[in-house]
């Protein structure tokens, strides 16, 4: 697994820019990838309905968190 600051982490962070959770999936962290993807996608989708417009900041926070999480990941051990 990649160490913090390695090229693999940079690639994972770039993947997360386009789809939240994709970088975690590239790193092999499936549950965390699902969490980021589902939360961000649901918040963005509900914000697009205009009824729940206040949810887009929550989606944006999870989106940015997924990018930072992928960039700072270091494998245990």
PDB file of N, CA and C in Angstrom:
ATOM      1  N   UNK A   1       0.831  -1.185   0.000  1.00  0.00           N
ATOM      2  CA  UNK A   1       0.000   0.000   0.000  1.00  0.00           C
ATOM      3  C   UNK A   1       0.876   1.249   0.000  1.00  0.00           C
ATOM      4  N   UNK A   2       0.373   2.312  -0.562  1.00  0.00           N
ATOM      5  CA  UNK A   2       1.158   3.544  -0.650  1.00  0.00           C
ATOM      6  C   UNK A   2       1.325   4.214   0.710  1.00  0.00           C
ATOM      7  N   UNK A   3       2.442   4.888   0.845  1.00  0.00           N
ATOM      8  CA  UNK A   3       2.683   5.673   2.047  1.00  0.00           C
ATOM      9  C   UNK A   3       2.181   7.090   1.827  1.00  0.00           C
ATOM     10  N   UNK A   4       2.018   7.831   2.914  1.00  0.00           N
ATOM     11  CA  UNK A   4       1.526   9.197   2.825  1.00  0.00           C
ATOM     12  C   UNK A   4       2.454  10.025   1.934  1.00  0.00           C
ATOM     13  N   UNK A   5       1.863  10.745   0.978  1.00  0.00           N
ATOM     14  CA  UNK A   5       2.625  11.589   0.076  1.00  0.00           C
ATOM     15  C   UNK A   5       3.139  10.872  -1.160  1.00  0.00           C
ATOM     16  N   UNK A   6       2.829   9.591  -1.306  1.00  0.00           N
ATOM     17  CA  UNK A   6       3.317   8.851  -2.468  1.00  0.00           C
ATOM     18  C   UNK A   6       2.476   9.174  -3.693  1.00  0.00           C
ATOM     19  N   UNK A   7       2.958   8.724  -4.855  1.00  0.00           N
ATOM     20  CA  UNK A   7       2.235   8.957  -6.102  1.00  0.00           C
ATOM     21  C   UNK A   7       0.866   8.302  -6.106  1.00  0.00           C
ATOM     22  N   UNK A   8       0.717   7.157  -5.427  1.00  0.00           N
ATOM     23  CA  UNK A   8      -0.583   6.489  -5.350  1.00  0.00           C
ATOM     24  C   UNK A   8      -1.611   7.330  -4.622  1.00  0.00           C
ATOM     25  N   UNK A   9      -1.175   8.021  -3.592  1.00  0.00           N
ATOM     26  CA  UNK A   9      -2.093   8.887  -2.843  1.00  0.00           C
ATOM     27  C   UNK A   9      -2.482  10.107  -3.663  1.00  0.00           C
ATOM     28  N   UNK A  10      -1.548  10.617  -4.443  1.00  0.00           N
ATOM     29  CA  UNK A  10      -1.858  11.761  -5.300  1.00  0.00           C
ATOM     30  C   UNK A  10      -2.879  11.348  -6.348  1.00  0.00           C
ATOM     31  N   UNK A  11      -2.687  10.181  -6.948  1.00  0.00           N
ATOM     32  CA  UNK A  11      -3.640   9.667  -7.930  1.00  0.00           C
ATOM     33  C   UNK A  11      -5.014   9.461  -7.296  1.00  0.00           C
ATOM     34  N   UNK A  12      -5.048   8.920  -6.080  1.00  0.00           N
ATOM     35  CA  UNK A  12      -6.315   8.706  -5.385  1.00  0.00           C
ATOM     36  C   UNK A  12      -7.011  10.030  -5.087  1.00  0.00           C
ATOM     37  N   UNK A  13      -6.253  11.046  -4.687  1.00  0.00           N
ATOM     38  CA  UNK A  13      -6.846  12.359  -4.413  1.00  0.00           C
ATOM     39  C   UNK A  13      -7.408  12.975  -5.688  1.00  0.00           C
ATOM     40  N   UNK A  14      -6.697  12.809  -6.808  1.00  0.00           N
ATOM     41  CA  UNK A  14      -7.192  13.332  -8.080  1.00  0.00           C
ATOM     42  C   UNK A  14      -8.468  12.606  -8.498  1.00  0.00           C
ATOM     43  N   UNK A  15      -8.528  11.300  -8.269  1.00  0.00           N
ATOM     44  CA  UNK A  15      -9.748  10.542  -8.578  1.00  0.00           C
ATOM     45  C   UNK A  15     -10.936  11.069  -7.777  1.00  0.00           C
ATOM     46  N   UNK A  16     -10.683  11.446  -6.524  1.00  0.00           N
ATOM     47  CA  UNK A  16     -11.756  11.947  -5.668  1.00  0.00           C
ATOM     48  C   UNK A  16     -12.270  13.308  -6.105  1.00  0.00           C
ATOM     49  N   UNK A  17     -11.477  14.060  -6.845  1.00  0.00           N
ATOM     50  CA  UNK A  17     -11.954  15.350  -7.335  1.00  0.00           C
ATOM     51  C   UNK A  17     -13.153  15.139  -8.249  1.00  0.00           C
ATOM     52  N   UNK A  18     -13.105  14.076  -9.050  1.00  0.00           N
ATOM     53  CA  UNK A  18     -14.163  13.817 -10.019  1.00  0.00           C
ATOM     54  C   UNK A  18     -15.345  13.046  -9.420  1.00  0.00           C
ATOM     55  N   UNK A  19     -15.055  12.021  -8.621  1.00  0.00           N
ATOM     56  CA  UNK A  19     -16.112  11.216  -7.987  1.00  0.00           C
ATOM     57  C   UNK A  19     -15.710  10.966  -6.540  1.00  0.00           C
ATOM     58  N   UNK A  20     -16.499  11.464  -5.577  1.00  0.00           N
ATOM     59  CA  UNK A  20     -16.150  11.232  -4.169  1.00  0.00           C
ATOM     60  C   UNK A  20     -16.121   9.738  -3.853  1.00  0.00           C
ATOM     61  N   UNK A  21     -15.056   9.283  -3.225  1.00  0.00           N
ATOM     62  CA  UNK A  21     -14.924   7.884  -2.847  1.00  0.00           C
ATOM     63  C   UNK A  21     -14.139   7.048  -3.842  1.00  0.00           C
ATOM     64  N   UNK A  22     -13.935   7.536  -5.041  1.00  0.00           N
ATOM     65  CA  UNK A  22     -13.206   6.756  -6.045  1.00  0.00           C
ATOM     66  C   UNK A  22     -11.753   6.542  -5.627  1.00  0.00           C
ATOM     67  N   UNK A  23     -11.154   7.527  -5.008  1.00  0.00           N
ATOM     68  CA  UNK A  23      -9.775   7.387  -4.541  1.00  0.00           C
ATOM     69  C   UNK A  23      -9.639   6.332  -3.461  1.00  0.00           C
ATOM     70  N   UNK A  24     -10.601   6.281  -2.550  1.00  0.00           N
ATOM     71  CA  UNK A  24     -10.570   5.251  -1.519  1.00  0.00           C
ATOM     72  C   UNK A  24     -10.753   3.871  -2.153  1.00  0.00           C
ATOM     73  N   UNK A  25     -11.557   3.786  -3.181  1.00  0.00           N
ATOM     74  CA  UNK A  25     -11.748   2.522  -3.892  1.00  0.00           C
ATOM     75  C   UNK A  25     -10.443   2.093  -4.564  1.00  0.00           C
ATOM     76  N   UNK A  26      -9.728   3.032  -5.144  1.00  0.00           N
ATOM     77  CA  UNK A  26      -8.430   2.743  -5.753  1.00  0.00           C
ATOM     78  C   UNK A  26      -7.451   2.237  -4.695  1.00  0.00           C
ATOM     79  N   UNK A  27      -7.539   2.770  -3.489  1.00  0.00           N
ATOM     80  CA  UNK A  27      -6.659   2.360  -2.398  1.00  0.00           C
ATOM     81  C   UNK A  27      -7.114   1.056  -1.746  1.00  0.00           C
ATOM     82  N   UNK A  28      -8.268   0.546  -2.116  1.00  0.00           N
ATOM     83  CA  UNK A  28      -8.765  -0.705  -1.565  1.00  0.00           C
ATOM     84  C   UNK A  28      -9.583  -0.559  -0.294  1.00  0.00           C
ATOM     85  N   UNK A  29     -10.037   0.628   0.021  1.00  0.00           N
ATOM     86  CA  UNK A  29     -10.830   0.875   1.231  1.00  0.00           C
ATOM     87  C   UNK A  29     -12.294   1.013   0.815  1.00  0.00           C
ATOM     88  N   UNK A  30     -12.955  -0.096   0.676  1.00  0.00           N
ATOM     89  CA  UNK A  30     -14.282  -0.153   0.073  1.00  0.00           C
ATOM     90  C   UNK A  30     -15.359   0.498   0.942  1.00  0.00           C
ATOM     91  N   UNK A  31     -15.379   0.221   2.232  1.00  0.00           N
ATOM     92  CA  UNK A  31     -16.425   0.788   3.088  1.00  0.00           C
ATOM     93  C   UNK A  31     -16.341   2.305   3.168  1.00  0.00           C
ATOM     94  N   UNK A  32     -15.140   2.821   3.284  1.00  0.00           N
ATOM     95  CA  UNK A  32     -14.972   4.281   3.328  1.00  0.00           C
ATOM     96  C   UNK A  32     -15.350   4.889   1.982  1.00  0.00           C
ATOM     97  N   UNK A  33     -15.028   4.200   0.891  1.00  0.00           N
ATOM     98  CA  UNK A  33     -15.401   4.686  -0.445  1.00  0.00           C
ATOM     99  C   UNK A  33     -16.918   4.768  -0.582  1.00  0.00           C
ATOM    100  N   UNK A  34     -17.613   3.743  -0.122  1.00  0.00           N
ATOM    101  CA  UNK A  34     -19.081   3.753  -0.173  1.00  0.00           C
ATOM    102  C   UNK A  34     -19.658   4.881   0.665  1.00  0.00           C
ATOM    103  N   UNK A  35     -19.086   5.085   1.857  1.00  0.00           N
ATOM    104  CA  UNK A  35     -19.598   6.140   2.722  1.00  0.00           C
ATOM    105  C   UNK A  35     -19.472   7.505   2.046  1.00  0.00           C
ATOM    106  N   UNK A  36     -18.290   7.832   1.540  1.00  0.00           N
ATOM    107  CA  UNK A  36     -18.094   9.134   0.901  1.00  0.00           C
ATOM    108  C   UNK A  36     -18.987   9.290  -0.329  1.00  0.00           C
ATOM    109  N   UNK A  37     -19.072   8.249  -1.153  1.00  0.00           N
ATOM    110  CA  UNK A  37     -19.874   8.341  -2.367  1.00  0.00           C
ATOM    111  C   UNK A  37     -21.354   8.516  -2.056  1.00  0.00           C
ATOM    112  N   UNK A  38     -21.876   7.721  -1.145  1.00  0.00           N
ATOM    113  CA  UNK A  38     -23.308   7.771  -0.844  1.00  0.00           C
ATOM    114  C   UNK A  38     -23.687   9.092  -0.187  1.00  0.00           C
ATOM    115  N   UNK A  39     -22.936   9.520   0.815  1.00  0.00           N
ATOM    116  CA  UNK A  39     -23.284  10.757   1.524  1.00  0.00           C
ATOM    117  C   UNK A  39     -23.200  11.960   0.586  1.00  0.00           C
ATOM    118  N   UNK A  40     -22.103  12.088  -0.146  1.00  0.00           N
ATOM    119  CA  UNK A  40     -21.946  13.235  -1.040  1.00  0.00           C
ATOM    120  C   UNK A  40     -22.988  13.203  -2.158  1.00  0.00           C
ATOM    121  N   UNK A  41     -23.224  12.038  -2.736  1.00  0.00           N
ATOM    122  CA  UNK A  41     -24.191  11.937  -3.834  1.00  0.00           C
ATOM    123  C   UNK A  41     -25.612  12.253  -3.386  1.00  0.00           C
ATOM    124  N   UNK A  42     -25.999  11.741  -2.230  1.00  0.00           N
ATOM    125  CA  UNK A  42     -27.349  12.007  -1.715  1.00  0.00           C
ATOM    126  C   UNK A  42     -27.513  13.497  -1.412  1.00  0.00           C
ATOM    127  N   UNK A  43     -26.504  14.097  -0.794  1.00  0.00           N
ATOM    128  CA  UNK A  43     -26.595  15.531  -0.483  1.00  0.00           C
ATOM    129  C   UNK A  43     -26.665  16.370  -1.747  1.00  0.00           C
ATOM    130  N   UNK A  44     -25.847  16.072  -2.743  1.00  0.00           N
ATOM    131  CA  UNK A  44     -25.877  16.821  -3.995  1.00  0.00           C
ATOM    132  C   UNK A  44     -27.198  16.617  -4.730  1.00  0.00           C
ATOM    133  N   UNK A  45     -27.698  15.391  -4.724  1.00  0.00           N
ATOM    134  CA  UNK A  45     -28.963  15.109  -5.410  1.00  0.00           C
ATOM    135  C   UNK A  45     -30.127  15.825  -4.742  1.00  0.00           C
ATOM    136  N   UNK A  46     -30.188  15.776  -3.425  1.00  0.00           N
ATOM    137  CA  UNK A  46     -31.275  16.459  -2.726  1.00  0.00           C
ATOM    138  C   UNK A  46     -31.159  17.975  -2.862  1.00  0.00           C
ATOM    139  N   UNK A  47     -29.940  18.488  -2.922  1.00  0.00           N
ATOM    140  CA  UNK A  47     -29.765  19.931  -3.117  1.00  0.00           C
ATOM    141  C   UNK A  47     -30.229  20.335  -4.509  1.00  0.00           C
ATOM    142  N   UNK A  48     -30.096  19.455  -5.478  1.00  0.00           N
ATOM    143  CA  UNK A  48     -30.522  19.757  -6.845  1.00  0.00           C
ATOM    144  C   UNK A  48     -32.043  19.836  -6.968  1.00  0.00           C
ATOM    145  N   UNK A  49     -32.762  19.261  -6.017  1.00  0.00           N
ATOM    146  CA  UNK A  49     -34.224  19.324  -6.053  1.00  0.00           C
ATOM    147  C   UNK A  49     -34.754  20.678  -5.590  1.00  0.00           C
ATOM    148  N   UNK A  50     -33.898  21.520  -5.087  1.00  0.00           N
ATOM    149  CA  UNK A  50     -34.179  22.866  -4.607  1.00  0.00           C
ATOM    150  C   UNK A  50     -34.963  22.846  -3.294  1.00  0.00           C
ATOM    151  N   UNK A  51     -35.618  21.763  -2.980  1.00  0.00           N
ATOM    152  CA  UNK A  51     -36.353  21.673  -1.718  1.00  0.00           C
ATOM    153  C   UNK A  51     -35.365  21.621  -0.552  1.00  0.00           C
ATOM    154  N   UNK A  52     -34.292  20.862  -0.738  1.00  0.00           N
ATOM    155  CA  UNK A  52     -33.284  20.698   0.314  1.00  0.00           C
ATOM    156  C   UNK A  52     -31.985  21.388  -0.098  1.00  0.00           C
ATOM    157  N   UNK A  53     -32.080  22.617  -0.549  1.00  0.00           N
ATOM    158  CA  UNK A  53     -30.924  23.357  -1.052  1.00  0.00           C
ATOM    159  C   UNK A  53     -29.850  23.528   0.010  1.00  0.00           C
ATOM    160  N   UNK A  54     -30.232  23.483   1.278  1.00  0.00           N
ATOM    161  CA  UNK A  54     -29.283  23.666   2.368  1.00  0.00           C
ATOM    162  C   UNK A  54     -28.340  22.475   2.543  1.00  0.00           C
ATOM    163  N   UNK A  55     -28.544  21.372   1.824  1.00  0.00           N
ATOM    164  CA  UNK A  55     -27.695  20.193   1.977  1.00  0.00           C
ATOM    165  C   UNK A  55     -26.426  20.230   1.129  1.00  0.00           C
ATOM    166  N   UNK A  56     -26.319  21.157   0.165  1.00  0.00           N
ATOM    167  CA  UNK A  56     -25.124  21.136  -0.682  1.00  0.00           C
ATOM    168  C   UNK A  56     -23.838  21.400   0.095  1.00  0.00           C
ATOM    169  N   UNK A  57     -23.849  22.243   1.165  1.00  0.00           N
ATOM    170  CA  UNK A  57     -22.581  22.396   1.905  1.00  0.00           C
ATOM    171  C   UNK A  57     -22.145  21.102   2.596  1.00  0.00           C
ATOM    172  N   UNK A  58     -23.101  20.303   3.046  1.00  0.00           N
ATOM    173  CA  UNK A  58     -22.753  19.019   3.672  1.00  0.00           C
ATOM    174  C   UNK A  58     -22.091  18.111   2.638  1.00  0.00           C
ATOM    175  N   UNK A  59     -22.663  18.069   1.436  1.00  0.00           N
ATOM    176  CA  UNK A  59     -22.064  17.280   0.360  1.00  0.00           C
ATOM    177  C   UNK A  59     -20.675  17.775   0.006  1.00  0.00           C
ATOM    178  N   UNK A  60     -20.507  19.090  -0.034  1.00  0.00           N
ATOM    179  CA  UNK A  60     -19.200  19.666  -0.360  1.00  0.00           C
ATOM    180  C   UNK A  60     -18.170  19.341   0.717  1.00  0.00           C
ATOM    181  N   UNK A  61     -18.585  19.371   1.970  1.00  0.00           N
ATOM    182  CA  UNK A  61     -17.669  19.027   3.067  1.00  0.00           C
ATOM    183  C   UNK A  61     -17.212  17.579   2.947  1.00  0.00           C
ATOM    184  N   UNK A  62     -18.144  16.666   2.684  1.00  0.00           N
ATOM    185  CA  UNK A  62     -17.771  15.255   2.518  1.00  0.00           C
ATOM    186  C   UNK A  62     -16.904  15.063   1.282  1.00  0.00           C
ATOM    187  N   UNK A  63     -17.165  15.809   0.225  1.00  0.00           N
ATOM    188  CA  UNK A  63     -16.374  15.717  -0.993  1.00  0.00           C
ATOM    189  C   UNK A  63     -14.924  16.142  -0.719  1.00  0.00           C
ATOM    190  N   UNK A  64     -14.742  17.269  -0.058  1.00  0.00           N
ATOM    191  CA  UNK A  64     -13.400  17.748   0.272  1.00  0.00           C
ATOM    192  C   UNK A  64     -12.725  16.810   1.269  1.00  0.00           C
ATOM    193  N   UNK A  65     -13.498  16.293   2.218  1.00  0.00           N
ATOM    194  CA  UNK A  65     -12.956  15.350   3.201  1.00  0.00           C
ATOM    195  C   UNK A  65     -12.441  14.093   2.503  1.00  0.00           C
ATOM    196  N   UNK A  66     -13.157  13.625   1.480  1.00  0.00           N
ATOM    197  CA  UNK A  66     -12.710  12.424   0.767  1.00  0.00           C
ATOM    198  C   UNK A  66     -11.392  12.673   0.041  1.00  0.00           C
ATOM    199  N   UNK A  67     -11.208  13.872  -0.503  1.00  0.00           N
ATOM    200  CA  UNK A  67      -9.956  14.202  -1.189  1.00  0.00           C
ATOM    201  C   UNK A  67      -8.797  14.219  -0.190  1.00  0.00           C
ATOM    202  N   UNK A  68      -8.995  14.872   0.934  1.00  0.00           N
ATOM    203  CA  UNK A  68      -7.943  14.965   1.955  1.00  0.00           C
ATOM    204  C   UNK A  68      -7.640  13.593   2.542  1.00  0.00           C
ATOM    205  N   UNK A  69      -8.675  12.800   2.787  1.00  0.00           N
ATOM    206  CA  UNK A  69      -8.499  11.474   3.350  1.00  0.00           C
ATOM    207  C   UNK A  69      -7.660  10.582   2.425  1.00  0.00           C
ATOM    208  N   UNK A  70      -7.907  10.662   1.136  1.00  0.00           N
ATOM    209  CA  UNK A  70      -7.135   9.853   0.186  1.00  0.00           C
ATOM    210  C   UNK A  70      -5.685  10.323   0.111  1.00  0.00           C
ATOM    211  N   UNK A  71      -5.469  11.625   0.178  1.00  0.00           N
ATOM    212  CA  UNK A  71      -4.111  12.162   0.071  1.00  0.00           C
ATOM    213  C   UNK A  71      -3.275  11.855   1.314  1.00  0.00           C
ATOM    214  N   UNK A  72      -3.906  11.772   2.467  1.00  0.00           N
ATOM    215  CA  UNK A  72      -3.173  11.575   3.726  1.00  0.00           C
ATOM    216  C   UNK A  72      -3.099  10.121   4.158  1.00  0.00           C
ATOM    217  N   UNK A  73      -3.662   9.204   3.395  1.00  0.00           N
ATOM    218  CA  UNK A  73      -3.716   7.795   3.785  1.00  0.00           C
ATOM    219  C   UNK A  73      -2.325   7.186   3.853  1.00  0.00           C
ATOM    220  N   UNK A  74      -2.076   6.458   4.912  1.00  0.00           N
ATOM    221  CA  UNK A  74      -0.866   5.639   4.998  1.00  0.00           C
ATOM    222  C   UNK A  74      -1.276   4.269   5.524  1.00  0.00           C
ATOM    223  N   UNK A  75      -0.757   3.234   4.894  1.00  0.00           N
ATOM    224  CA  UNK A  75      -1.175   1.890   5.255  1.00  0.00           C
ATOM    225  C   UNK A  75      -0.667   1.536   6.650  1.00  0.00           C
ATOM    226  N   UNK A  76      -1.473   0.780   7.390  1.00  0.00           N
ATOM    227  CA  UNK A  76      -1.048   0.386   8.743  1.00  0.00           C
ATOM    228  C   UNK A  76       0.123  -0.597   8.671  1.00  0.00           C
ATOM    229  N   UNK A  77       1.045  -0.394   9.572  1.00  0.00           N
ATOM    230  CA  UNK A  77       2.158  -1.329   9.672  1.00  0.00           C
ATOM    231  C   UNK A  77       3.372  -0.923   9.049  1.00  0.00           C
TER     232      UNK A  77
END
